[in-house]
Structure formats: structure tokens, C-alpha cells
């Protein structure tokens, strides 16, 4: 699967949380870590009541989207460099 490194204050699963879809993730900590697991209702309530939380979530989503676009571009470049299936 896809592996990424997450730093302090990272959100994991926020895309699924916002969309209300099931989500599963495995995270391994390199050092001591504190986490909080929250349900969708609490997530949405906190996002509404604390604008700075909402801003942080949007910033996280933006960064993840940027990384996904970079991954897709790298894959596109690899496909362009690969031999055509027609030549096999």
C-alpha cells in the first residue's frame, strides 16, 4: 500500500470523515505519540465551532491532494517512458 510520513498535528482519515465513508488505516509511530479517535459527528461539530481546526483540516487536505497529484504525474511520466503494449 501507499506509505506516507505524518508529522505532529497530522490528520489521518479526514477525507473519509468528511465524506462519511468507511476508512481503514494502519499507522506506526517512530516515537511516543498521543492520538484521538473521534466520530464523524464530533469531527463536524469541532470543525464548525473552531475555525482554526477547520482551517487546519483544509490545509491538510490541500497538502494530501498536492501529493496525490505529484504521484499521478510521476505515474504518467513512467507510462509515457514505457514501451507500448502494441510493440510486444
Protein backbone atom coordinates (compact mmCIF):
# COMPACT_ATOMS: atom_id res chain seq x y z
CA UNK A 1 0.00 0.00 0.00
CA UNK A 2 0.87 3.66 -0.13
CA UNK A 3 3.11 4.82 2.69
CA UNK A 4 3.48 8.41 3.84
CA UNK A 5 5.11 10.05 6.80
CA UNK A 6 2.93 12.14 9.12
CA UNK A 7 4.28 14.75 11.50
CA UNK A 8 2.95 16.44 14.63
CA UNK A 9 -0.67 17.56 14.36
CA UNK A 10 -1.36 15.33 11.34
CA UNK A 11 -4.88 14.23 10.48
CA UNK A 12 -5.44 10.68 9.30
CA UNK A 13 -8.71 9.70 7.69
CA UNK A 14 -10.18 13.19 7.42
CA UNK A 15 -11.20 12.71 3.78
CA UNK A 16 -13.33 9.71 4.72
CA UNK A 17 -14.59 11.53 7.80
CA UNK A 18 -15.84 14.48 5.76
CA UNK A 19 -17.34 12.22 3.10
CA UNK A 20 -18.85 9.85 5.64
CA UNK A 21 -17.29 6.80 4.02
CA UNK A 22 -15.66 3.80 5.74
CA UNK A 23 -11.93 4.12 6.24
CA UNK A 24 -9.14 1.91 7.49
CA UNK A 25 -5.56 2.93 8.11
CA UNK A 26 -2.52 1.45 9.76
CA UNK A 27 -0.10 3.83 11.43
CA UNK A 28 3.22 3.02 13.06
CA UNK A 29 4.83 5.54 15.39
CA UNK A 30 8.59 6.02 15.41
CA UNK A 31 8.42 7.76 18.81
CA UNK A 32 5.90 8.23 21.61
CA UNK A 33 2.64 9.59 20.25
CA UNK A 34 -0.73 10.78 21.51
CA UNK A 35 -3.78 10.18 19.34
CA UNK A 36 -7.50 10.80 19.46
CA UNK A 37 -10.15 8.81 17.61
CA UNK A 38 -13.29 10.80 17.04
CA UNK A 39 -16.57 10.03 15.31
CA UNK A 40 -17.97 11.99 12.38
CA UNK A 41 -20.50 13.99 14.44
CA UNK A 42 -17.81 15.26 16.81
CA UNK A 43 -15.46 15.95 13.92
CA UNK A 44 -18.05 18.09 12.13
CA UNK A 45 -19.07 19.88 15.33
CA UNK A 46 -15.47 20.78 16.18
CA UNK A 47 -14.87 21.94 12.59
CA UNK A 48 -17.90 24.26 12.86
CA UNK A 49 -17.16 25.60 16.33
CA UNK A 50 -13.41 26.13 15.92
CA UNK A 51 -12.48 27.85 12.64
CA UNK A 52 -8.77 27.22 13.25
CA UNK A 53 -9.48 23.47 13.30
CA UNK A 54 -11.40 23.74 10.04
CA UNK A 55 -8.52 25.70 8.52
CA UNK A 56 -6.02 23.06 9.67
CA UNK A 57 -8.14 20.29 8.14
CA UNK A 58 -8.38 22.17 4.83
CA UNK A 59 -4.61 22.73 4.86
CA UNK A 60 -4.09 19.00 5.45
CA UNK A 61 -6.48 18.10 2.62
CA UNK A 62 -4.74 20.53 0.30
CA UNK A 63 -1.33 19.01 1.03
CA UNK A 64 -2.63 15.46 0.51
CA UNK A 65 -4.21 16.48 -2.78
CA UNK A 66 -0.93 18.06 -3.86
CA UNK A 67 0.95 14.84 -3.03
CA UNK A 68 -1.62 12.76 -4.93
CA UNK A 69 -1.27 14.96 -7.99
CA UNK A 70 2.52 14.56 -7.80
CA UNK A 71 2.12 10.76 -7.56
CA UNK A 72 -0.18 10.75 -10.59
CA UNK A 73 2.24 12.89 -12.57
CA UNK A 74 5.11 10.53 -11.74
CA UNK A 75 2.99 7.57 -12.83
CA UNK A 76 2.02 9.38 -16.05
CA UNK A 77 5.68 10.04 -16.84
CA UNK A 78 6.55 6.37 -16.23
CA UNK A 79 3.78 5.24 -18.56
CA UNK A 80 4.99 7.65 -21.24
CA UNK A 81 8.51 6.24 -20.99
CA UNK A 82 7.32 2.63 -21.01
CA UNK A 83 7.14 0.62 -24.22
CA UNK A 84 3.81 0.47 -25.91
CA UNK A 85 1.82 -2.74 -25.49
CA UNK A 86 1.36 -2.72 -29.27
CA UNK A 87 5.08 -3.33 -29.73
CA UNK A 88 5.01 -6.56 -27.71
